[in-house]
Amino acid sequence: MTGMSGLRALVTGGASGIGLATARTLAAQGARVAVLDLDPSAAQPPLLGFRADVGDDASVRTAVAAAAAEMGGLDILVNNAGIGAAGTVEDNPDELWHSVLDINVLGIVRTTRAALPYLRRSPSAAVVNTCSIAATAGLPQRALYSASKGAVLSLTLAMAADHVREGIRVNCVNPGTADTPWVGRLLDAADDPDAERAALNARQPMGRLVTADEVAAAIAYLASPAAASVTGTALAVDGGMQGLRLRPAAGS
């Protein structure tokens, strides 16, 4: 597919998981793609790798400027970098709250702020934020993570309103539990990883985890000219977890 031929994209957290799948999908559809990551070494050609810490404004500004210079501009920004946390409001200290909110929310602010001057010069400007089912459904043991993703959802809507008249579309994707390295680490830390994986599979009506490639396909759609009239939207990629209420299966 070459539906993004000539477009230039930047993906944060693009060296693993959903970010890497997104970078590869955009490149396969014809875009030139730069990856920002703490360790961009997994971003092999044709991807361009730039080291950046979304928790540090100077780092972000330097990397965004370098990527835009290398590609000759910027049309698409995918704000994917983020970190997780488990626990109730009792379990996480203030320091962890500050850290997660800083990366998951202010990380989007820093990267978008640095990218806006380039996006304003694009006739096909789009921003896609990686949000989560945690923004719209109450999940156990995810108080901090859910709070950060709820902020991402609200931020997406506000950004869409702020920049629509500049020709910049802003949307987000809300993945369900995805089969990514981060979820893999959570499973490895569980007392019974197999039972925990089975429980996560069963939580989603389709009976399995979402794949990184499925989320990437949704991001690519929202970023593409095919979605030229789509802004201020949250696209769920969650196996029906948010909207479906199934009756128990027979015999269960």
Protein backbone atom coordinates (compact mmCIF):
# COMPACT_ATOMS: atom_id res chain seq x y z
CA MET A 1 0.00 0.00 0.00
CA THR A 2 1.20 3.52 -0.77
CA GLY A 3 -1.66 5.64 0.55
CA MET A 4 0.81 7.73 2.57
CA SER A 5 3.37 8.22 -0.14
CA GLY A 6 5.21 11.50 0.39
CA LEU A 7 4.04 11.98 3.96
CA ARG A 8 6.50 12.33 6.84
CA ALA A 9 5.69 10.79 10.20
CA LEU A 10 7.17 10.87 13.69
CA VAL A 11 6.40 8.12 16.23
CA THR A 12 7.39 8.43 19.88
CA GLY A 13 8.12 5.25 21.78
CA GLY A 14 8.56 3.77 18.32
CA ALA A 15 11.22 1.16 19.02
CA SER A 16 8.99 -1.53 20.55
CA GLY A 17 5.43 -2.75 20.92
CA ILE A 18 2.62 -0.65 19.43
CA GLY A 19 5.04 2.14 18.51
CA LEU A 20 7.30 -0.09 16.41
CA ALA A 21 4.31 -1.79 14.78
CA THR A 22 2.94 1.66 13.93
CA ALA A 23 6.23 2.90 12.50
CA ARG A 24 6.50 -0.18 10.30
CA THR A 25 2.87 0.11 9.17
CA LEU A 26 3.26 3.76 8.21
CA ALA A 27 6.45 2.98 6.31
CA ALA A 28 4.78 0.08 4.50
CA GLN A 29 2.06 2.49 3.37
CA GLY A 30 4.62 4.80 1.83
CA ALA A 31 5.43 7.31 4.57
CA ARG A 32 8.92 8.29 5.60
CA VAL A 33 9.07 7.55 9.31
CA ALA A 34 11.25 8.77 12.17
CA VAL A 35 11.19 7.04 15.54
CA LEU A 36 11.85 8.82 18.84
CA ASP A 37 12.80 6.52 21.69
CA LEU A 38 15.13 6.21 24.66
CA ASP A 39 16.78 3.40 22.70
CA PRO A 40 15.97 3.75 18.99
CA SER A 41 18.30 0.94 17.93
CA ALA A 42 15.39 -1.37 17.05
CA ALA A 43 14.24 1.14 14.44
CA GLN A 44 16.05 -0.40 11.50
CA PRO A 45 15.99 1.08 7.97
CA PRO A 46 13.90 2.37 6.36
CA LEU A 47 12.96 3.80 9.77
CA LEU A 48 15.03 6.73 11.03
CA GLY A 49 15.98 6.55 14.71
CA PHE A 50 16.45 9.50 17.06
CA ARG A 51 17.12 9.29 20.77
CA ALA A 52 14.75 11.31 22.93
CA ASP A 53 13.30 11.30 26.43
CA VAL A 54 9.72 12.63 26.34
CA GLY A 55 10.19 13.58 29.99
CA ASP A 56 12.79 16.17 29.01
CA ASP A 57 11.69 19.19 26.96
CA ALA A 58 15.13 20.01 25.56
CA SER A 59 15.64 16.40 24.46
CA VAL A 60 12.28 16.38 22.70
CA ARG A 61 12.81 19.70 20.93
CA THR A 62 16.24 18.64 19.69
CA ALA A 63 15.03 15.29 18.40
CA VAL A 64 11.91 16.67 16.71
CA ALA A 65 13.94 19.36 14.99
CA ALA A 66 16.51 16.82 13.82
CA ALA A 67 13.85 14.45 12.50
CA ALA A 68 11.99 17.24 10.68
CA ALA A 69 15.24 18.46 9.16
CA GLU A 70 16.16 14.95 7.99
CA MET A 71 12.74 14.36 6.42
CA GLY A 72 12.19 17.89 5.12
CA GLY A 73 9.17 18.54 7.32
CA LEU A 74 6.49 16.74 9.28
CA ASP A 75 2.92 15.73 8.45
CA ILE A 76 2.05 13.11 11.08
CA LEU A 77 2.79 12.88 14.80
CA VAL A 78 2.01 9.70 16.72
CA ASN A 79 2.29 10.28 20.47
CA ASN A 80 2.77 6.72 21.62
CA ALA A 81 5.46 6.84 24.32
CA GLY A 82 4.16 5.92 27.74
CA ILE A 83 4.73 3.92 30.88
CA GLY A 84 2.45 1.79 33.02
CA ALA A 85 1.67 1.31 36.68
CA ALA A 86 -0.33 -1.21 38.69
CA GLY A 87 -2.16 -0.76 41.96
CA THR A 88 -4.95 1.09 43.72
CA VAL A 89 -4.70 4.68 44.97
CA GLU A 90 -3.15 3.27 48.15
CA ASP A 91 -0.33 1.46 46.42
CA ASN A 92 1.63 4.04 44.45
CA PRO A 93 3.69 6.80 46.10
CA ASP A 94 3.49 10.42 44.99
CA GLU A 95 6.78 10.08 43.12
CA LEU A 96 5.34 7.40 40.85
CA TRP A 97 2.21 9.46 40.23
CA HIS A 98 4.36 12.39 39.17
CA SER A 99 6.50 10.16 36.94
CA VAL A 100 3.64 8.42 35.12
CA LEU A 101 1.63 11.61 34.60
CA ASP A 102 4.77 13.38 33.41
CA ILE A 103 5.53 10.78 30.74
CA ASN A 104 2.01 9.81 29.68
CA VAL A 105 0.46 13.28 29.64
CA LEU A 106 3.19 15.92 29.58
CA GLY A 107 5.15 13.75 27.17
CA ILE A 108 2.37 14.34 24.63
CA VAL A 109 2.40 18.06 25.44
CA ARG A 110 6.15 18.35 24.93
CA THR A 111 6.26 16.44 21.66
CA THR A 112 3.21 18.12 20.16
CA ARG A 113 4.46 21.54 21.19
CA ALA A 114 7.74 20.90 19.41
CA ALA A 115 6.01 19.48 16.33
CA LEU A 116 3.32 22.13 15.85
CA PRO A 117 5.45 24.60 13.84
CA TYR A 118 6.11 21.85 11.29
CA LEU A 119 2.58 20.47 11.30
CA ARG A 120 1.15 23.91 10.59
CA ARG A 121 3.05 23.92 7.29
CA SER A 122 1.61 20.57 6.20
CA PRO A 123 -1.54 20.24 4.05
CA SER A 124 -2.21 16.82 5.62
CA ALA A 125 -1.39 17.37 9.29
CA ALA A 126 -2.53 14.75 11.79
CA VAL A 127 -1.79 13.91 15.41
CA VAL A 128 -2.73 10.52 16.88
CA ASN A 129 -2.37 9.86 20.60
CA THR A 130 -2.20 6.36 22.07
CA CYS A 131 -4.81 6.34 24.82
CA SER A 132 -6.37 3.21 26.39
CA ILE A 133 -9.51 1.36 27.33
CA ALA A 134 -8.46 2.44 30.84
CA ALA A 135 -9.72 5.94 29.96
CA THR A 136 -13.30 4.77 29.48
CA ALA A 137 -13.71 1.65 31.64
CA GLY A 138 -12.94 1.08 35.29
CA LEU A 139 -10.18 -1.52 35.49
CA PRO A 140 -9.00 -3.02 38.77
CA GLN A 141 -5.49 -2.29 40.00
CA ARG A 142 -4.92 0.47 37.43
CA ALA A 143 -5.77 3.70 39.31
CA LEU A 144 -2.69 5.68 38.30
CA TYR A 145 -2.51 4.37 34.75
CA SER A 146 -6.24 5.01 34.24
CA ALA A 147 -5.93 8.56 35.53
CA SER A 148 -3.13 9.28 33.09
CA LYS A 149 -5.05 7.86 30.13
CA GLY A 150 -8.23 9.69 31.13
CA ALA A 151 -6.16 12.85 30.87
CA VAL A 152 -4.91 11.78 27.43
CA LEU A 153 -8.50 11.37 26.22
CA SER A 154 -9.50 14.84 27.45
CA LEU A 155 -6.29 16.34 26.10
CA THR A 156 -6.99 14.83 22.68
CA LEU A 157 -10.40 16.50 22.52
CA ALA A 158 -9.00 19.85 23.65
CA MET A 159 -6.15 19.68 21.13
CA ALA A 160 -8.59 18.81 18.35
CA ALA A 161 -10.64 21.90 19.18
CA ASP A 162 -7.59 24.14 19.45
CA HIS A 163 -6.04 23.17 16.13
CA VAL A 164 -8.90 22.21 13.79
CA ARG A 165 -8.91 25.65 12.15
CA GLU A 166 -5.19 25.31 11.54
CA GLY A 167 -5.88 22.21 9.47
CA ILE A 168 -4.45 19.84 12.09
CA ARG A 169 -6.55 16.82 12.98
CA VAL A 170 -6.15 15.25 16.43
CA ASN A 171 -7.51 11.82 17.38
CA CYS A 172 -6.64 8.94 19.70
CA VAL A 173 -6.85 5.18 19.76
CA ASN A 174 -8.06 3.28 22.81
CA PRO A 175 -6.48 -0.18 22.76
CA GLY A 176 -7.75 -2.92 24.99
CA THR A 177 -5.17 -5.13 26.67
CA ALA A 178 -2.58 -5.61 23.94
CA ASP A 179 0.00 -8.34 23.55
CA THR A 180 3.03 -6.08 24.00
CA PRO A 181 6.34 -6.30 25.88
CA TRP A 182 4.88 -4.26 28.77
CA VAL A 183 1.96 -6.65 29.22
CA GLY A 184 4.42 -9.52 28.91
CA ARG A 185 6.39 -8.13 31.84
CA LEU A 186 3.21 -7.82 33.91
CA LEU A 187 2.37 -11.43 33.14
CA ASP A 188 5.88 -12.59 34.03
CA ALA A 189 5.53 -10.89 37.43
CA ALA A 190 2.22 -12.58 38.21
CA ASP A 191 2.05 -15.52 40.63
CA ASP A 192 0.51 -17.64 37.86
CA PRO A 193 1.32 -16.10 34.44
CA ASP A 194 -0.77 -18.63 32.51
CA ALA A 195 -3.84 -18.01 34.66
CA GLU A 196 -3.35 -14.25 34.42
CA ARG A 197 -3.10 -14.40 30.63
CA ALA A 198 -6.25 -16.52 30.48
CA ALA A 199 -8.06 -13.95 32.65
CA LEU A 200 -6.96 -11.08 30.40
CA ASN A 201 -8.06 -13.00 27.31
CA ALA A 202 -11.45 -13.71 28.86
CA ARG A 203 -11.94 -10.06 29.83
CA GLN A 204 -12.19 -9.05 26.17
CA PRO A 205 -15.34 -10.26 24.38
CA MET A 206 -13.37 -11.57 21.41
CA GLY A 207 -11.55 -13.87 23.83
CA ARG A 208 -7.99 -12.80 23.10
CA LEU A 209 -5.57 -9.93 23.52
CA VAL A 210 -5.39 -7.19 20.92
CA THR A 211 -2.29 -7.34 18.73
CA ALA A 212 0.12 -4.45 18.24
CA ASP A 213 -0.45 -4.64 14.48
CA GLU A 214 -4.21 -4.20 14.94
CA VAL A 215 -3.66 -1.04 16.97
CA ALA A 216 -1.12 0.16 14.41
CA ALA A 217 -3.66 -0.25 11.61
CA ALA A 218 -6.12 1.97 13.48
CA ILE A 219 -3.45 4.60 14.10
CA ALA A 220 -2.46 4.52 10.43
CA TYR A 221 -6.07 5.09 9.39
CA LEU A 222 -6.50 8.09 11.68
CA ALA A 223 -3.20 9.52 10.48
CA SER A 224 -3.96 9.04 6.80
CA PRO A 225 -5.68 11.30 4.27
CA ALA A 226 -8.47 8.69 4.22
CA ALA A 227 -9.55 10.12 7.60
CA ALA A 228 -9.52 13.72 6.40
CA SER A 229 -12.88 14.47 8.08
CA VAL A 230 -12.11 12.66 11.33
CA THR A 231 -10.97 14.73 14.30
CA GLY A 232 -11.70 14.72 18.02
CA THR A 233 -12.42 10.98 17.88
CA ALA A 234 -11.39 8.08 20.12
CA LEU A 235 -11.22 4.83 18.16
CA ALA A 236 -11.52 1.74 20.36
CA VAL A 237 -9.43 -1.28 19.37
CA ASP A 238 -10.42 -3.47 22.27
CA GLY A 239 -12.13 -6.62 21.06
CA GLY A 240 -15.48 -5.16 22.11
CA MET A 241 -14.45 -4.61 25.72
CA GLN A 242 -15.85 -1.10 26.06
CA GLY A 243 -19.16 -1.43 24.27
CA LEU A 244 -20.30 -5.04 24.48
CA ARG A 245 -22.11 -6.70 27.38
CA LEU A 246 -22.28 -10.39 26.57
CA ARG A 247 -24.26 -12.99 28.46
CA PRO A 248 -22.13 -15.75 30.02
CA ALA A 249 -21.25 -18.51 27.58
CA ALA A 250 -23.34 -21.64 27.86
CA GLY A 251 -22.03 -23.93 30.56
CA SER A 252 -19.90 -21.22 32.26
